[in-house]
């Protein structure tokens, strides 16, 4: 089968595209014929050599997948040949990844793809959707009518946070880096959009929610906690999802006096049951139209290295050339 893989970590150029053996399934595994995959920043960190876990070599990149069941293992009971399925955390914690024509996945990490939802749509919603759901509902315990600030609302996770919070009945203020992206925020469901390059964010927050916001979602790697706390309401919750090596100053006094709490979200550390609960809501919202995938670029799988370069340019170099997810097709 064709696959995008590497035999040593390094820059995007280490990614090769060529033939690898088709995986053999056993136990409760399911063999999925790939329809679409998506790129995430963590994919580029793993390829770059981040020491999260030992990798099997050659290592197939990627963790998000949507496709069709081709075979089922002798102990698999949830799916049958021909079912459409998706998953997210496949290429993490030492498992082989998804950027291949076929992928062997344990059925406990797979979810049914709803009728009428494309492989591209569900693949691009996978990791970012589960991350958003965990942060909003498991950690922040978002309630209808609460106010939410999203710092970076048009990116992969940010756009999911905005849409899910709107589906749950929240009032949302979010930032973006251009007038066009602020318009996109309104389309996604934000009640107020702020251009962080030109607008006074604190003034916008005070106008939107004079008592401060209940939840602050941070998508950047280096949070400014002094600013964050100034935006917060009493007992506000702050969600972090990036910045593994970040060591910013922290305003302990103002934070604890407001009774705030701080929550980190690492998607791949969620349990199978937690992820399945997220997937059920994601499927329901995709079918109902409350969740619309934000796909920025589509590549053939053979261009996986170019896709990784584009992701890194936006994640690390902040080029701003992506307005959503990168999807690849075999």
Protein backbone atom coordinates (compact mmCIF):
# COMPACT_ATOMS: atom_id res chain seq x y z
CA UNK A 1 0.00 0.00 0.00
CA UNK A 2 1.04 3.62 -0.45
CA UNK A 3 1.91 5.51 2.75
CA UNK A 4 3.57 8.71 3.99
CA UNK A 5 6.19 7.78 6.59
CA UNK A 6 9.65 8.51 7.95
CA UNK A 7 12.56 6.38 9.10
CA UNK A 8 14.17 9.07 11.24
CA UNK A 9 12.85 12.25 12.84
CA UNK A 10 13.70 15.66 11.48
CA UNK A 11 12.31 18.39 9.20
CA UNK A 12 9.40 17.80 6.85
CA UNK A 13 11.79 16.59 4.18
CA UNK A 14 12.32 13.32 6.08
CA UNK A 15 8.78 12.27 5.08
CA UNK A 16 8.79 9.66 2.32
CA UNK A 17 5.89 8.53 0.16
CA UNK A 18 6.03 4.98 -1.09
CA UNK A 19 5.13 1.33 -0.57
CA UNK A 20 4.77 -0.27 2.85
CA UNK A 21 3.20 -3.63 3.75
CA UNK A 22 -0.55 -3.54 4.24
CA UNK A 23 -1.22 -4.02 7.99
CA UNK A 24 -2.47 -7.36 9.26
CA UNK A 25 -5.25 -7.14 11.83
CA UNK A 26 -5.76 -9.28 14.93
CA UNK A 27 -7.93 -9.34 18.04
CA UNK A 28 -10.37 -6.44 18.15
CA UNK A 29 -8.64 -4.49 15.39
CA UNK A 30 -10.44 -3.23 12.29
CA UNK A 31 -8.77 -2.62 8.92
CA UNK A 32 -9.93 0.73 7.54
CA UNK A 33 -9.55 1.75 3.89
CA UNK A 34 -8.63 5.40 4.17
CA UNK A 35 -10.87 8.06 2.64
CA UNK A 36 -9.32 11.18 4.19
CA UNK A 37 -6.82 12.22 6.85
CA UNK A 38 -6.02 15.56 8.48
CA UNK A 39 -2.83 17.28 9.66
CA UNK A 40 -2.42 18.47 13.25
CA UNK A 41 0.42 20.41 14.90
CA UNK A 42 1.24 17.43 17.12
CA UNK A 43 1.98 15.41 13.95
CA UNK A 44 4.74 17.86 13.10
CA UNK A 45 6.14 17.82 16.65
CA UNK A 46 6.37 14.02 16.60
CA UNK A 47 8.05 14.08 13.18
CA UNK A 48 10.43 16.77 14.45
CA UNK A 49 11.63 14.53 17.28
CA UNK A 50 9.54 15.52 20.31
CA UNK A 51 10.24 12.78 22.90
CA UNK A 52 6.64 11.89 23.74
CA UNK A 53 7.05 8.11 23.26
CA UNK A 54 9.08 5.59 21.29
CA UNK A 55 8.04 5.30 17.65
CA UNK A 56 7.86 2.14 15.54
CA UNK A 57 10.05 2.51 12.45
CA UNK A 58 9.30 3.12 9.70
CA UNK A 59 6.64 5.33 11.28
CA UNK A 60 3.48 6.27 9.36
CA UNK A 61 2.56 9.85 10.23
CA UNK A 62 -0.83 11.21 11.26
CA UNK A 63 -3.54 10.52 13.84
CA UNK A 64 -6.88 11.59 12.27
CA UNK A 65 -8.62 9.21 9.88
CA UNK A 66 -11.94 8.65 8.11
CA UNK A 67 -12.72 5.74 5.83
CA UNK A 68 -14.52 2.46 5.30
CA UNK A 69 -14.14 -0.85 7.11
CA UNK A 70 -12.40 -3.38 4.85
CA UNK A 71 -11.92 -6.23 7.35
CA UNK A 72 -12.72 -6.93 11.00
CA UNK A 73 -10.63 -8.87 13.48
CA UNK A 74 -11.89 -12.07 15.14
CA UNK A 75 -12.76 -10.28 18.39
CA UNK A 76 -14.19 -7.09 16.87
CA UNK A 77 -17.92 -6.74 17.48
CA UNK A 78 -18.89 -3.10 16.89
CA UNK A 79 -18.36 -2.81 13.12
CA UNK A 80 -18.69 -4.83 9.96
CA UNK A 81 -17.29 -4.65 6.44
CA UNK A 82 -18.57 -1.62 4.56
CA UNK A 83 -19.25 0.56 7.64
CA UNK A 84 -17.97 4.12 7.45
CA UNK A 85 -15.86 5.08 10.47
CA UNK A 86 -13.49 7.71 11.85
CA UNK A 87 -10.89 8.03 14.61
CA UNK A 88 -8.47 10.55 16.02
CA UNK A 89 -5.74 9.30 18.36
CA UNK A 90 -4.46 6.45 16.19
CA UNK A 91 -0.91 7.65 15.47
CA UNK A 92 -0.23 8.62 19.09
CA UNK A 93 1.28 6.85 22.10
CA UNK A 94 3.46 4.64 19.92
CA UNK A 95 0.78 3.39 17.52
CA UNK A 96 1.29 3.49 13.75
CA UNK A 97 -0.34 6.49 12.10
CA UNK A 98 -3.03 7.05 9.51
CA UNK A 99 -1.41 8.54 6.40
CA UNK A 100 -1.72 5.35 4.37
CA UNK A 101 -4.18 3.60 2.09
CA UNK A 102 -5.07 1.19 4.93
CA UNK A 103 -4.88 1.49 8.69
CA UNK A 104 -5.34 -1.11 11.46
CA UNK A 105 -7.27 0.45 14.36
CA UNK A 106 -8.63 -1.11 17.54
CA UNK A 107 -12.41 -0.83 17.38
CA UNK A 108 -12.52 0.97 20.73
CA UNK A 109 -10.91 4.03 19.10
CA UNK A 110 -13.34 4.04 16.14
CA UNK A 111 -16.65 5.89 15.77
CA UNK A 112 -19.37 5.57 13.13
CA UNK A 113 -19.48 8.22 10.43
CA UNK A 114 -23.06 9.52 10.03
CA UNK A 115 -24.85 9.23 6.70
CA UNK A 116 -24.49 12.38 4.65
CA UNK A 117 -21.22 13.45 6.31
CA UNK A 118 -18.13 13.26 4.10
CA UNK A 119 -14.84 11.63 5.07
CA UNK A 120 -13.13 15.01 4.65
CA UNK A 121 -15.59 16.67 7.02
CA UNK A 122 -15.28 14.14 9.80
CA UNK A 123 -11.49 13.73 9.48
CA UNK A 124 -10.98 17.48 9.74
CA UNK A 125 -13.23 17.57 12.83
CA UNK A 126 -11.56 14.71 14.71
CA UNK A 127 -8.67 15.79 16.93
CA UNK A 128 -9.70 19.44 17.00
CA UNK A 129 -13.30 18.54 17.79
CA UNK A 130 -12.42 16.15 20.59
CA UNK A 131 -10.00 18.71 22.06
CA UNK A 132 -12.66 21.43 21.98
CA UNK A 133 -15.29 19.15 23.50
CA UNK A 134 -13.02 18.02 26.35
CA UNK A 135 -12.09 21.58 27.22
CA UNK A 136 -15.58 23.03 27.07
CA UNK A 137 -17.57 20.28 28.73
CA UNK A 138 -15.28 18.01 30.78
CA UNK A 139 -13.02 20.79 32.08
CA UNK A 140 -14.88 24.13 31.91
CA UNK A 141 -18.34 22.58 32.40
CA UNK A 142 -19.85 25.18 30.10
CA UNK A 143 -23.46 26.06 30.87
CA UNK A 144 -26.10 27.66 28.68
CA UNK A 145 -25.97 31.45 28.88
CA UNK A 146 -22.34 31.68 30.02
CA UNK A 147 -19.83 33.92 28.26
CA UNK A 148 -16.77 32.57 26.48
CA UNK A 149 -13.65 34.31 25.13
CA UNK A 150 -11.70 32.45 22.43
CA UNK A 151 -8.24 33.82 21.72
CA UNK A 152 -7.85 32.69 18.11
CA UNK A 153 -11.27 31.61 16.96
CA UNK A 154 -10.70 30.74 13.30
CA UNK A 155 -8.02 28.07 13.65
CA UNK A 156 -8.58 24.34 13.78
CA UNK A 157 -9.47 24.05 17.47
CA UNK A 158 -10.71 27.62 17.89
CA UNK A 159 -13.34 27.29 15.19
CA UNK A 160 -14.61 24.09 16.85
CA UNK A 161 -14.75 25.80 20.24
CA UNK A 162 -16.82 28.66 18.84
CA UNK A 163 -19.30 26.37 17.10
CA UNK A 164 -19.68 23.91 19.99
CA UNK A 165 -20.15 26.70 22.50
CA UNK A 166 -22.80 28.26 20.29
CA UNK A 167 -24.56 24.88 20.01
CA UNK A 168 -24.55 24.72 23.83
CA UNK A 169 -26.13 28.18 24.17
CA UNK A 170 -23.10 30.27 25.16
CA UNK A 171 -22.40 33.92 24.29
CA UNK A 172 -19.05 34.15 22.51
CA UNK A 173 -16.44 36.82 21.90
CA UNK A 174 -13.40 35.75 19.88
CA UNK A 175 -10.29 37.22 18.28
CA UNK A 176 -8.82 36.92 14.80
CA UNK A 177 -6.01 38.62 12.89
CA UNK A 178 -7.83 40.28 9.99
CA UNK A 179 -11.14 41.82 9.01
CA UNK A 180 -11.85 38.81 6.80
CA UNK A 181 -11.25 36.38 9.67
CA UNK A 182 -13.43 38.48 11.97
CA UNK A 183 -16.23 38.14 9.42
CA UNK A 184 -15.60 34.38 9.41
CA UNK A 185 -15.93 34.36 13.20
CA UNK A 186 -19.42 35.80 12.94
CA UNK A 187 -20.31 33.10 10.42
CA UNK A 188 -19.04 30.44 12.84
CA UNK A 189 -21.31 31.78 15.56
CA UNK A 190 -19.33 34.38 17.52
CA UNK A 191 -21.51 37.17 18.91
CA UNK A 192 -18.57 39.58 18.86
CA UNK A 193 -15.34 39.46 16.83
CA UNK A 194 -12.20 41.42 17.72
CA UNK A 195 -9.20 42.07 15.47
CA UNK A 196 -6.28 41.51 17.84
CA UNK A 197 -3.95 43.51 15.56
CA UNK A 198 -6.01 46.72 15.55
CA UNK A 199 -8.70 46.63 18.26
CA UNK A 200 -8.66 47.25 22.02
CA UNK A 201 -9.44 43.75 23.30
CA UNK A 202 -10.01 44.70 26.94
CA UNK A 203 -12.48 47.41 25.94
CA UNK A 204 -14.28 44.95 23.66
CA UNK A 205 -14.52 42.37 26.46
CA UNK A 206 -15.86 44.95 28.94
CA UNK A 207 -18.45 46.09 26.41
CA UNK A 208 -19.47 42.51 25.67
CA UNK A 209 -19.54 41.26 29.28
CA UNK A 210 -19.06 44.03 31.88
CA UNK A 211 -18.50 41.53 34.71
CA UNK A 212 -15.92 39.60 32.69
CA UNK A 213 -16.12 36.30 30.83
CA UNK A 214 -16.86 32.96 32.47
CA UNK A 215 -14.47 30.93 30.29
CA UNK A 216 -11.28 31.96 28.49
CA UNK A 217 -9.93 29.60 25.82
CA UNK A 218 -6.26 30.12 24.94
CA UNK A 219 -4.96 28.70 21.66
CA UNK A 220 -1.50 30.33 21.64
CA UNK A 221 1.73 28.86 22.98
CA UNK A 222 2.77 31.80 25.21
CA UNK A 223 -0.23 33.06 27.21
CA UNK A 224 -0.22 36.54 28.77
CA UNK A 225 -1.85 35.68 32.08
CA UNK A 226 -2.02 39.28 33.28
CA UNK A 227 -4.28 40.10 30.34
CA UNK A 228 -6.23 36.87 30.69
CA UNK A 229 -7.07 37.48 34.36
CA UNK A 230 -8.17 41.03 33.55
CA UNK A 231 -10.79 39.60 31.20
CA UNK A 232 -12.15 37.04 33.69
CA UNK A 233 -15.33 37.08 35.75
CA UNK A 234 -15.42 35.75 39.30
CA UNK A 235 -14.83 31.98 39.33
CA UNK A 236 -13.82 32.06 35.68
CA UNK A 237 -12.18 29.05 34.06
CA UNK A 238 -9.11 29.25 31.81
CA UNK A 239 -8.46 26.48 29.27
CA UNK A 240 -4.95 25.85 27.90
CA UNK A 241 -4.20 23.53 24.96
CA UNK A 242 -0.70 24.49 23.78
CA UNK A 243 2.72 25.60 24.97
CA UNK A 244 4.47 22.47 26.24
CA UNK A 245 7.71 24.41 26.80
CA UNK A 246 6.11 27.74 27.75
CA UNK A 247 7.09 29.31 31.10
CA UNK A 248 5.20 32.66 31.22
CA UNK A 249 4.88 34.78 34.37
CA UNK A 250 1.72 34.09 36.35
CA UNK A 251 -0.28 36.67 38.40
CA UNK A 252 -1.05 34.49 41.39
CA UNK A 253 -2.70 37.21 43.45
CA UNK A 254 -5.30 38.52 40.98
CA UNK A 255 -6.00 34.97 39.82
CA UNK A 256 -6.82 33.46 43.20
CA UNK A 257 -8.67 36.54 44.48
CA UNK A 258 -11.15 36.10 41.61
CA UNK A 259 -11.46 32.41 42.45
CA UNK A 260 -10.43 31.38 38.95
CA UNK A 261 -9.29 27.92 37.88
CA UNK A 262 -6.81 26.78 35.23
CA UNK A 263 -7.29 23.65 33.11
CA UNK A 264 -4.93 21.98 30.66
CA UNK A 265 -6.34 19.81 27.87
CA UNK A 266 -4.26 17.03 26.29
CA UNK A 267 -6.57 15.18 23.92
CA UNK A 268 -4.63 11.93 23.67
CA UNK A 269 -4.72 11.43 27.45
CA UNK A 270 -8.52 11.17 27.46
CA UNK A 271 -10.01 7.72 28.04
CA UNK A 272 -11.79 5.72 25.35
CA UNK A 273 -15.14 6.43 27.03
CA UNK A 274 -14.43 10.16 27.23
CA UNK A 275 -13.49 10.29 23.56
CA UNK A 276 -16.56 8.30 22.57
CA UNK A 277 -18.81 10.77 24.39
CA UNK A 278 -17.14 13.60 22.47
CA UNK A 279 -17.55 11.72 19.17
CA UNK A 280 -21.28 11.22 19.74
CA UNK A 281 -21.85 14.96 20.12
CA UNK A 282 -19.55 15.75 17.17
CA UNK A 283 -21.55 13.37 14.96
CA UNK A 284 -24.87 14.84 16.13
CA UNK A 285 -23.73 18.40 15.48
CA UNK A 286 -22.27 17.53 12.06
CA UNK A 287 -25.58 16.00 11.02
CA UNK A 288 -27.59 18.90 12.44
CA UNK A 289 -25.41 21.57 10.82
CA UNK A 290 -24.29 23.18 14.08
CA UNK A 291 -20.75 22.01 13.34
CA UNK A 292 -19.23 22.92 9.99
CA UNK A 293 -15.65 21.77 9.37
CA UNK A 294 -13.19 24.54 8.61
CA UNK A 295 -11.02 23.11 5.80
CA UNK A 296 -8.39 25.45 4.40
CA UNK A 297 -6.31 23.22 2.08
CA UNK A 298 -6.73 19.79 0.46
CA UNK A 299 -3.68 17.80 -0.74
CA UNK A 300 -3.14 14.34 -2.19
CA UNK A 301 -1.46 12.01 0.30
CA UNK A 302 1.66 12.05 -1.88
CA UNK A 303 2.18 15.70 -0.80
CA UNK A 304 2.27 14.97 2.93
CA UNK A 305 5.67 16.67 3.30
CA UNK A 306 4.34 19.89 1.74
CA UNK A 307 1.32 19.71 4.04
CA UNK A 308 3.60 19.40 7.08
CA UNK A 309 5.65 22.39 5.94
CA UNK A 310 2.51 24.49 5.56
CA UNK A 311 1.29 23.48 9.02
CA UNK A 312 4.62 24.38 10.61
CA UNK A 313 4.76 27.73 8.86
CA UNK A 314 1.48 28.63 10.50
CA UNK A 315 1.97 26.99 13.90
CA UNK A 316 5.55 28.07 14.55
CA UNK A 317 6.25 30.94 12.17
CA UNK A 318 2.76 32.50 12.39
CA UNK A 319 2.52 33.16 8.65
CA UNK A 320 -1.27 33.30 8.82
CA UNK A 321 -1.74 31.54 5.47
CA UNK A 322 -4.09 28.90 6.93
CA UNK A 323 -7.66 29.64 7.96
CA UNK A 324 -8.51 26.10 8.99
CA UNK A 325 -7.50 22.46 8.64
CA UNK A 326 -5.31 20.68 6.09
CA UNK A 327 -6.91 17.51 4.68
CA UNK A 328 -5.25 14.84 2.51
CA UNK A 329 -6.77 12.13 0.34
CA UNK A 330 -5.06 8.87 -0.68
